[in-house]
Amino acid sequence: MTTAASIFVRAMDPGDAEAVAALCGTLGYPATTADVLARFTALSSSRDQVFVATDGATVVGWIHAFVSLLIETEPFVEIGGLVVGESVQRRGVGRLLMAQAEAWALARGCRQVRLRSNIVRAGAHRFYESLGYRTLKTQYTFVKELAVR
């Protein structure tokens, strides 16, 4: 049985792309290894960080944190994604990843971490609330597909 004590959190490296892609699919965001590798490579800015949680050599979770710079607020860190493998859920892996992202935020001078969670993910909402997060607001997300020329 995996426990938080056997989990190590480190910065993602390109060799983790296959495992990260597989975990993306478990949350309903299918991605290929090539997709993840290309996106990870594009995140070369110091405003982005991806951490992975490993159990031995196996990646069992990941978190993407990024500094959000907006004209109307002080900089804050937003969680772009958090996935913990089903086999290790409720064993402290998500807490370790969130703690790492929070420490990363503080190291960048950000005093606030924000995240978004689909309204249907009630279990995730309870998890974030147990970490001290509160609902800031409810909003709609709009999207428009643009034609590539």
N, C-alpha and C. Protein backbone atom coordinates (compact mmCIF):
# COMPACT_ATOMS: atom_id res chain seq x y z
N MET A 1 0.85 -1.19 0.00
CA MET A 1 0.00 0.00 0.00
C MET A 1 0.88 1.24 0.00
N THR A 2 0.57 2.17 -0.86
CA THR A 2 1.32 3.42 -0.95
C THR A 2 0.85 4.38 0.13
N THR A 3 1.78 5.00 0.81
CA THR A 3 1.47 6.04 1.79
C THR A 3 2.18 7.31 1.37
N ALA A 4 1.77 8.41 1.95
CA ALA A 4 2.43 9.68 1.63
C ALA A 4 3.91 9.61 1.95
N ALA A 5 4.28 8.79 2.94
CA ALA A 5 5.69 8.67 3.32
C ALA A 5 6.53 8.06 2.22
N SER A 6 5.92 7.28 1.33
CA SER A 6 6.67 6.65 0.25
C SER A 6 6.64 7.47 -1.04
N ILE A 7 6.02 8.64 -1.00
CA ILE A 7 5.87 9.49 -2.19
C ILE A 7 6.92 10.59 -2.16
N PHE A 8 7.51 10.83 -3.32
CA PHE A 8 8.49 11.90 -3.48
C PHE A 8 7.94 12.87 -4.52
N VAL A 9 8.01 14.16 -4.25
CA VAL A 9 7.56 15.18 -5.19
C VAL A 9 8.77 15.89 -5.74
N ARG A 10 8.81 16.02 -7.07
CA ARG A 10 9.93 16.68 -7.75
C ARG A 10 9.41 17.41 -8.98
N ALA A 11 10.26 18.25 -9.55
CA ALA A 11 9.90 18.92 -10.80
C ALA A 11 9.77 17.89 -11.92
N MET A 12 8.81 18.10 -12.77
CA MET A 12 8.62 17.22 -13.92
C MET A 12 9.80 17.36 -14.86
N ASP A 13 10.15 16.26 -15.51
CA ASP A 13 11.14 16.33 -16.58
C ASP A 13 10.52 15.69 -17.83
N PRO A 14 11.11 15.91 -19.00
CA PRO A 14 10.51 15.41 -20.24
C PRO A 14 10.23 13.91 -20.25
N GLY A 15 11.01 13.15 -19.52
CA GLY A 15 10.79 11.71 -19.46
C GLY A 15 9.50 11.31 -18.76
N ASP A 16 8.85 12.25 -18.09
CA ASP A 16 7.60 11.98 -17.40
C ASP A 16 6.37 12.16 -18.29
N ALA A 17 6.57 12.61 -19.52
CA ALA A 17 5.44 12.99 -20.38
C ALA A 17 4.46 11.85 -20.60
N GLU A 18 4.93 10.64 -20.78
CA GLU A 18 4.02 9.51 -21.04
C GLU A 18 3.10 9.27 -19.83
N ALA A 19 3.67 9.26 -18.64
CA ALA A 19 2.86 9.03 -17.44
C ALA A 19 1.90 10.19 -17.19
N VAL A 20 2.35 11.41 -17.41
CA VAL A 20 1.49 12.57 -17.23
C VAL A 20 0.33 12.52 -18.23
N ALA A 21 0.61 12.14 -19.47
CA ALA A 21 -0.44 12.02 -20.48
C ALA A 21 -1.49 10.99 -20.06
N ALA A 22 -1.04 9.87 -19.55
CA ALA A 22 -1.98 8.83 -19.10
C ALA A 22 -2.86 9.35 -17.97
N LEU A 23 -2.28 10.09 -17.04
CA LEU A 23 -3.05 10.66 -15.95
C LEU A 23 -4.04 11.71 -16.43
N CYS A 24 -3.67 12.49 -17.45
CA CYS A 24 -4.59 13.48 -18.03
C CYS A 24 -5.88 12.80 -18.49
N GLY A 25 -5.73 11.65 -19.13
CA GLY A 25 -6.88 10.93 -19.64
C GLY A 25 -7.84 10.49 -18.55
N THR A 26 -7.33 10.22 -17.36
CA THR A 26 -8.21 9.76 -16.28
C THR A 26 -9.15 10.86 -15.81
N LEU A 27 -8.81 12.10 -16.09
CA LEU A 27 -9.66 13.22 -15.69
C LEU A 27 -10.54 13.70 -16.83
N GLY A 28 -10.47 13.02 -17.97
CA GLY A 28 -11.30 13.40 -19.10
C GLY A 28 -10.64 14.36 -20.06
N TYR A 29 -9.33 14.47 -19.99
CA TYR A 29 -8.57 15.34 -20.89
C TYR A 29 -7.55 14.48 -21.63
N PRO A 30 -8.01 13.69 -22.59
CA PRO A 30 -7.07 12.79 -23.28
C PRO A 30 -5.95 13.57 -23.96
N ALA A 31 -4.75 13.05 -23.83
CA ALA A 31 -3.57 13.68 -24.42
C ALA A 31 -2.57 12.59 -24.76
N THR A 32 -1.86 12.79 -25.83
CA THR A 32 -0.80 11.85 -26.18
C THR A 32 0.49 12.28 -25.48
N THR A 33 1.44 11.39 -25.47
CA THR A 33 2.76 11.73 -24.92
C THR A 33 3.34 12.92 -25.67
N ALA A 34 3.20 12.91 -26.99
CA ALA A 34 3.73 14.02 -27.80
C ALA A 34 3.03 15.33 -27.45
N ASP A 35 1.71 15.28 -27.22
CA ASP A 35 0.97 16.49 -26.82
C ASP A 35 1.55 17.06 -25.52
N VAL A 36 1.69 16.19 -24.53
CA VAL A 36 2.17 16.64 -23.21
C VAL A 36 3.59 17.16 -23.32
N LEU A 37 4.43 16.46 -24.06
CA LEU A 37 5.81 16.90 -24.21
C LEU A 37 5.90 18.27 -24.87
N ALA A 38 5.09 18.49 -25.90
CA ALA A 38 5.09 19.80 -26.58
C ALA A 38 4.60 20.90 -25.65
N ARG A 39 3.55 20.61 -24.90
CA ARG A 39 3.01 21.62 -23.97
C ARG A 39 4.00 21.89 -22.84
N PHE A 40 4.60 20.84 -22.32
CA PHE A 40 5.58 21.00 -21.25
C PHE A 40 6.78 21.83 -21.73
N THR A 41 7.25 21.56 -22.92
CA THR A 41 8.37 22.30 -23.48
C THR A 41 8.02 23.78 -23.65
N ALA A 42 6.76 24.05 -24.01
CA ALA A 42 6.33 25.44 -24.18
C ALA A 42 6.25 26.19 -22.85
N LEU A 43 6.19 25.46 -21.74
CA LEU A 43 6.12 26.08 -20.42
C LEU A 43 7.50 26.41 -19.87
N SER A 44 8.34 26.94 -20.70
CA SER A 44 9.71 27.20 -20.29
C SER A 44 9.86 28.47 -19.45
N SER A 45 8.78 29.18 -19.25
CA SER A 45 8.81 30.42 -18.48
C SER A 45 9.01 30.14 -17.00
N SER A 46 9.62 31.08 -16.30
CA SER A 46 9.79 30.95 -14.85
C SER A 46 8.45 31.14 -14.13
N ARG A 47 7.41 31.47 -14.88
CA ARG A 47 6.07 31.63 -14.29
C ARG A 47 5.29 30.33 -14.27
N ASP A 48 5.85 29.25 -14.77
CA ASP A 48 5.18 27.95 -14.79
C ASP A 48 6.03 26.91 -14.09
N GLN A 49 5.38 25.98 -13.40
CA GLN A 49 6.08 24.85 -12.81
C GLN A 49 5.15 23.65 -12.78
N VAL A 50 5.67 22.51 -13.20
CA VAL A 50 4.94 21.25 -13.09
C VAL A 50 5.73 20.35 -12.15
N PHE A 51 5.03 19.82 -11.16
CA PHE A 51 5.62 18.87 -10.23
C PHE A 51 4.95 17.52 -10.44
N VAL A 52 5.72 16.47 -10.25
CA VAL A 52 5.16 15.12 -10.28
C VAL A 52 5.38 14.48 -8.92
N ALA A 53 4.44 13.61 -8.57
CA ALA A 53 4.58 12.78 -7.38
C ALA A 53 4.95 11.39 -7.86
N THR A 54 5.99 10.82 -7.26
CA THR A 54 6.44 9.49 -7.67
C THR A 54 6.41 8.53 -6.49
N ASP A 55 6.09 7.30 -6.82
CA ASP A 55 6.18 6.19 -5.87
C ASP A 55 7.23 5.27 -6.47
N GLY A 56 8.44 5.36 -5.98
CA GLY A 56 9.55 4.68 -6.65
C GLY A 56 9.79 5.39 -7.97
N ALA A 57 9.80 4.62 -9.05
CA ALA A 57 10.01 5.20 -10.38
C ALA A 57 8.70 5.53 -11.08
N THR A 58 7.56 5.28 -10.43
CA THR A 58 6.26 5.46 -11.06
C THR A 58 5.67 6.82 -10.73
N VAL A 59 5.29 7.57 -11.77
CA VAL A 59 4.61 8.84 -11.58
C VAL A 59 3.15 8.53 -11.22
N VAL A 60 2.71 9.02 -10.06
CA VAL A 60 1.36 8.71 -9.59
C VAL A 60 0.48 9.96 -9.50
N GLY A 61 1.04 11.12 -9.83
CA GLY A 61 0.26 12.35 -9.81
C GLY A 61 1.08 13.51 -10.34
N TRP A 62 0.40 14.59 -10.67
CA TRP A 62 1.09 15.79 -11.12
C TRP A 62 0.25 17.02 -10.80
N ILE A 63 0.93 18.16 -10.74
CA ILE A 63 0.27 19.45 -10.55
C ILE A 63 0.99 20.49 -11.40
N HIS A 64 0.23 21.35 -12.04
CA HIS A 64 0.78 22.47 -12.82
C HIS A 64 0.37 23.75 -12.11
N ALA A 65 1.35 24.54 -11.73
CA ALA A 65 1.11 25.83 -11.09
C ALA A 65 1.71 26.92 -11.97
N PHE A 66 1.03 28.06 -12.04
CA PHE A 66 1.57 29.17 -12.82
C PHE A 66 1.21 30.49 -12.17
N VAL A 67 2.11 31.45 -12.33
CA VAL A 67 1.87 32.79 -11.82
C VAL A 67 0.95 33.50 -12.80
N SER A 68 -0.14 34.03 -12.28
CA SER A 68 -1.09 34.77 -13.10
C SER A 68 -0.88 36.26 -12.85
N LEU A 69 -0.60 36.96 -13.92
CA LEU A 69 -0.39 38.41 -13.85
C LEU A 69 -1.58 39.09 -14.52
N LEU A 70 -2.37 39.80 -13.74
CA LEU A 70 -3.55 40.50 -14.24
C LEU A 70 -3.46 41.96 -13.83
N ILE A 71 -4.04 42.81 -14.63
CA ILE A 71 -3.97 44.24 -14.35
C ILE A 71 -4.74 44.60 -13.07
N GLU A 72 -5.79 43.83 -12.75
CA GLU A 72 -6.68 44.22 -11.65
C GLU A 72 -6.33 43.63 -10.29
N THR A 73 -5.34 42.74 -10.22
CA THR A 73 -5.02 42.12 -8.93
C THR A 73 -3.52 41.97 -8.76
N GLU A 74 -3.14 41.74 -7.53
CA GLU A 74 -1.75 41.37 -7.26
C GLU A 74 -1.49 40.02 -7.92
N PRO A 75 -0.25 39.72 -8.27
CA PRO A 75 0.04 38.40 -8.83
C PRO A 75 -0.38 37.28 -7.87
N PHE A 76 -0.88 36.20 -8.43
CA PHE A 76 -1.24 35.03 -7.64
C PHE A 76 -0.87 33.79 -8.44
N VAL A 77 -0.81 32.68 -7.77
CA VAL A 77 -0.54 31.42 -8.45
C VAL A 77 -1.87 30.72 -8.67
N GLU A 78 -2.03 30.20 -9.85
CA GLU A 78 -3.22 29.41 -10.18
C GLU A 78 -2.79 27.98 -10.45
N ILE A 79 -3.60 27.06 -10.02
CA ILE A 79 -3.38 25.65 -10.31
C ILE A 79 -4.03 25.37 -11.65
N GLY A 80 -3.22 25.04 -12.63
CA GLY A 80 -3.73 24.75 -13.97
C GLY A 80 -4.28 23.35 -14.07
N GLY A 81 -3.78 22.45 -13.25
CA GLY A 81 -4.26 21.08 -13.25
C GLY A 81 -3.64 20.31 -12.10
N LEU A 82 -4.41 19.38 -11.59
CA LEU A 82 -3.96 18.48 -10.53
C LEU A 82 -4.60 17.13 -10.79
N VAL A 83 -3.80 16.11 -10.92
CA VAL A 83 -4.32 14.75 -11.12
C VAL A 83 -3.54 13.80 -10.22
N VAL A 84 -4.28 12.97 -9.51
CA VAL A 84 -3.69 11.92 -8.69
C VAL A 84 -4.25 10.60 -9.20
N GLY A 85 -3.38 9.65 -9.45
CA GLY A 85 -3.81 8.35 -9.93
C GLY A 85 -4.81 7.70 -8.99
N GLU A 86 -5.78 7.03 -9.58
CA GLU A 86 -6.85 6.42 -8.79
C GLU A 86 -6.32 5.47 -7.71
N SER A 87 -5.27 4.75 -8.01
CA SER A 87 -4.75 3.75 -7.06
C SER A 87 -4.13 4.36 -5.81
N VAL A 88 -3.83 5.66 -5.84
CA VAL A 88 -3.22 6.31 -4.68
C VAL A 88 -4.06 7.45 -4.12
N GLN A 89 -5.29 7.59 -4.60
CA GLN A 89 -6.14 8.66 -4.07
C GLN A 89 -6.46 8.41 -2.62
N ARG A 90 -6.65 9.49 -1.88
CA ARG A 90 -6.97 9.48 -0.45
C ARG A 90 -5.82 8.94 0.40
N ARG A 91 -4.60 9.11 -0.10
CA ARG A 91 -3.43 8.65 0.65
C ARG A 91 -2.41 9.78 0.86
N GLY A 92 -2.84 11.01 0.64
CA GLY A 92 -1.98 12.15 0.92
C GLY A 92 -1.19 12.68 -0.27
N VAL A 93 -1.32 12.06 -1.43
CA VAL A 93 -0.55 12.50 -2.60
C VAL A 93 -1.00 13.88 -3.06
N GLY A 94 -2.29 14.11 -3.14
CA GLY A 94 -2.80 15.43 -3.54
C GLY A 94 -2.37 16.51 -2.57
N ARG A 95 -2.40 16.19 -1.29
CA ARG A 95 -1.96 17.15 -0.27
C ARG A 95 -0.49 17.52 -0.46
N LEU A 96 0.34 16.53 -0.75
CA LEU A 96 1.76 16.80 -0.97
C LEU A 96 1.96 17.69 -2.20
N LEU A 97 1.25 17.40 -3.27
CA LEU A 97 1.38 18.21 -4.48
C LEU A 97 0.90 19.63 -4.25
N MET A 98 -0.23 19.79 -3.57
CA MET A 98 -0.74 21.13 -3.28
C MET A 98 0.24 21.89 -2.37
N ALA A 99 0.80 21.22 -1.38
CA ALA A 99 1.77 21.88 -0.48
C ALA A 99 2.99 22.33 -1.27
N GLN A 100 3.44 21.53 -2.23
CA GLN A 100 4.59 21.91 -3.04
C GLN A 100 4.26 23.14 -3.89
N ALA A 101 3.07 23.17 -4.47
CA ALA A 101 2.65 24.32 -5.27
C ALA A 101 2.53 25.58 -4.40
N GLU A 102 2.01 25.42 -3.20
CA GLU A 102 1.89 26.57 -2.29
C GLU A 102 3.27 27.11 -1.89
N ALA A 103 4.21 26.22 -1.62
CA ALA A 103 5.58 26.65 -1.28
C ALA A 103 6.20 27.36 -2.47
N TRP A 104 5.97 26.84 -3.67
CA TRP A 104 6.48 27.46 -4.90
C TRP A 104 5.90 28.87 -5.05
N ALA A 105 4.60 29.01 -4.76
CA ALA A 105 3.94 30.32 -4.85
C ALA A 105 4.58 31.32 -3.89
N LEU A 106 4.77 30.91 -2.65
CA LEU A 106 5.37 31.80 -1.66
C LEU A 106 6.78 32.20 -2.06
N ALA A 107 7.54 31.28 -2.63
CA ALA A 107 8.91 31.56 -3.07
C ALA A 107 8.93 32.60 -4.19
N ARG A 108 7.82 32.79 -4.87
CA ARG A 108 7.71 33.78 -5.93
C ARG A 108 7.02 35.04 -5.46
N GLY A 109 6.78 35.15 -4.18
CA GLY A 109 6.16 36.35 -3.62
C GLY A 109 4.66 36.41 -3.79
N CYS A 110 4.03 35.31 -4.15
CA CYS A 110 2.58 35.28 -4.31
C CYS A 110 1.94 34.83 -3.00
N ARG A 111 0.98 35.61 -2.54
CA ARG A 111 0.33 35.32 -1.27
C ARG A 111 -1.01 34.62 -1.43
N GLN A 112 -1.34 34.26 -2.66
CA GLN A 112 -2.63 33.61 -2.88
C GLN A 112 -2.48 32.54 -3.96
N VAL A 113 -3.16 31.41 -3.73
CA VAL A 113 -3.25 30.35 -4.72
C VAL A 113 -4.73 30.18 -5.06
N ARG A 114 -5.02 30.12 -6.33
CA ARG A 114 -6.39 29.93 -6.79
C ARG A 114 -6.44 28.68 -7.66
N LEU A 115 -7.63 28.13 -7.75
CA LEU A 115 -7.84 27.00 -8.66
C LEU A 115 -9.29 26.98 -9.09
N ARG A 116 -9.53 26.25 -10.14
CA ARG A 116 -10.89 26.08 -10.66
C ARG A 116 -11.18 24.59 -10.63
N SER A 117 -12.43 24.26 -10.35
CA SER A 117 -12.83 22.87 -10.28
C SER A 117 -14.22 22.73 -10.87
N ASN A 118 -14.38 21.78 -11.76
CA ASN A 118 -15.66 21.55 -12.41
C ASN A 118 -16.75 21.36 -11.36
N ILE A 119 -17.90 21.92 -11.59
CA ILE A 119 -19.00 21.88 -10.63
C ILE A 119 -19.42 20.46 -10.27
N VAL A 120 -19.17 19.51 -11.16
CA VAL A 120 -19.59 18.12 -10.90
C VAL A 120 -18.60 17.36 -10.02
N ARG A 121 -17.46 17.91 -9.72
CA ARG A 121 -16.43 17.22 -8.94
C ARG A 121 -16.54 17.52 -7.45
N ALA A 122 -17.65 17.08 -6.86
CA ALA A 122 -17.93 17.36 -5.45
C ALA A 122 -16.82 16.83 -4.53
N GLY A 123 -16.27 15.68 -4.83
CA GLY A 123 -15.19 15.13 -4.01
C GLY A 123 -13.97 16.03 -4.03
N ALA A 124 -13.66 16.56 -5.19
CA ALA A 124 -12.52 17.48 -5.30
C ALA A 124 -12.78 18.75 -4.49
N HIS A 125 -14.04 19.23 -4.51
CA HIS A 125 -14.36 20.44 -3.76
C HIS A 125 -14.13 20.21 -2.26
N ARG A 126 -14.57 19.06 -1.76
CA ARG A 126 -14.35 18.75 -0.34
C ARG A 126 -12.86 18.67 -0.03
N PHE A 127 -12.08 18.09 -0.95
CA PHE A 127 -10.63 18.01 -0.76
C PHE A 127 -10.03 19.41 -0.64
N TYR A 128 -10.35 20.31 -1.57
CA TYR A 128 -9.78 21.66 -1.52
C TYR A 128 -10.23 22.40 -0.26
N GLU A 129 -11.48 22.23 0.13
CA GLU A 129 -11.96 22.86 1.36
C GLU A 129 -11.21 22.33 2.57
N SER A 130 -10.86 21.05 2.57
CA SER A 130 -10.12 20.48 3.70
C SER A 130 -8.71 21.06 3.80
N LEU A 131 -8.22 21.63 2.69
CA LEU A 131 -6.91 22.27 2.68
C LEU A 131 -6.99 23.76 3.02
N GLY A 132 -8.19 24.25 3.28
CA GLY A 132 -8.36 25.65 3.63
C GLY A 132 -8.79 26.55 2.49
N TYR A 133 -9.08 25.99 1.34
CA TYR A 133 -9.55 26.79 0.21
C TYR A 133 -11.03 27.07 0.38
N ARG A 134 -11.47 28.22 -0.11
CA ARG A 134 -12.88 28.59 -0.05
C ARG A 134 -13.34 29.01 -1.44
N THR A 135 -14.61 28.91 -1.65
CA THR A 135 -15.18 29.33 -2.93
C THR A 135 -15.12 30.85 -3.02
N LEU A 136 -14.49 31.33 -4.07
CA LEU A 136 -14.38 32.77 -4.30
C LEU A 136 -15.59 33.29 -5.05
N LYS A 137 -15.98 32.56 -6.10
CA LYS A 137 -17.15 32.95 -6.89
C LYS A 137 -17.55 31.79 -7.79
N THR A 138 -18.74 31.88 -8.31
CA THR A 138 -19.22 30.93 -9.31
C THR A 138 -19.34 31.70 -10.62
N GLN A 139 -18.87 31.08 -11.68
CA GLN A 139 -18.87 31.78 -12.96
C GLN A 139 -19.03 30.79 -14.10
N TYR A 140 -19.33 31.31 -15.26
CA TYR A 140 -19.38 30.51 -16.47
C TYR A 140 -18.04 30.62 -17.17
N THR A 141 -17.66 29.60 -17.87
CA THR A 141 -16.48 29.64 -18.73
C THR A 141 -16.97 29.61 -20.17
N PHE A 142 -16.59 30.58 -20.94
CA PHE A 142 -16.99 30.66 -22.34
C PHE A 142 -15.81 30.27 -23.22
N VAL A 143 -16.09 29.70 -24.36
CA VAL A 143 -15.04 29.33 -25.31
C VAL A 143 -15.56 29.61 -26.72
N LYS A 144 -14.67 30.01 -27.57
CA LYS A 144 -14.97 30.20 -28.98
C LYS A 144 -13.83 29.56 -29.76
N GLU A 145 -14.15 28.63 -30.61
CA GLU A 145 -13.15 27.98 -31.45
C GLU A 145 -12.83 28.93 -32.60
N LEU A 146 -11.56 29.19 -32.82
CA LEU A 146 -11.12 30.09 -33.89
C LEU A 146 -10.57 29.28 -35.04
N ALA A 147 -10.87 29.75 -36.22
CA ALA A 147 -10.34 29.08 -37.42
C ALA A 147 -8.87 29.45 -37.60
N VAL A 148 -8.06 28.45 -37.83
CA VAL A 148 -6.64 28.69 -38.06
C VAL A 148 -6.46 29.03 -39.53
N ARG A 149 -5.77 30.10 -39.80
CA ARG A 149 -5.57 30.52 -41.19
C ARG A 149 -4.21 30.13 -41.67
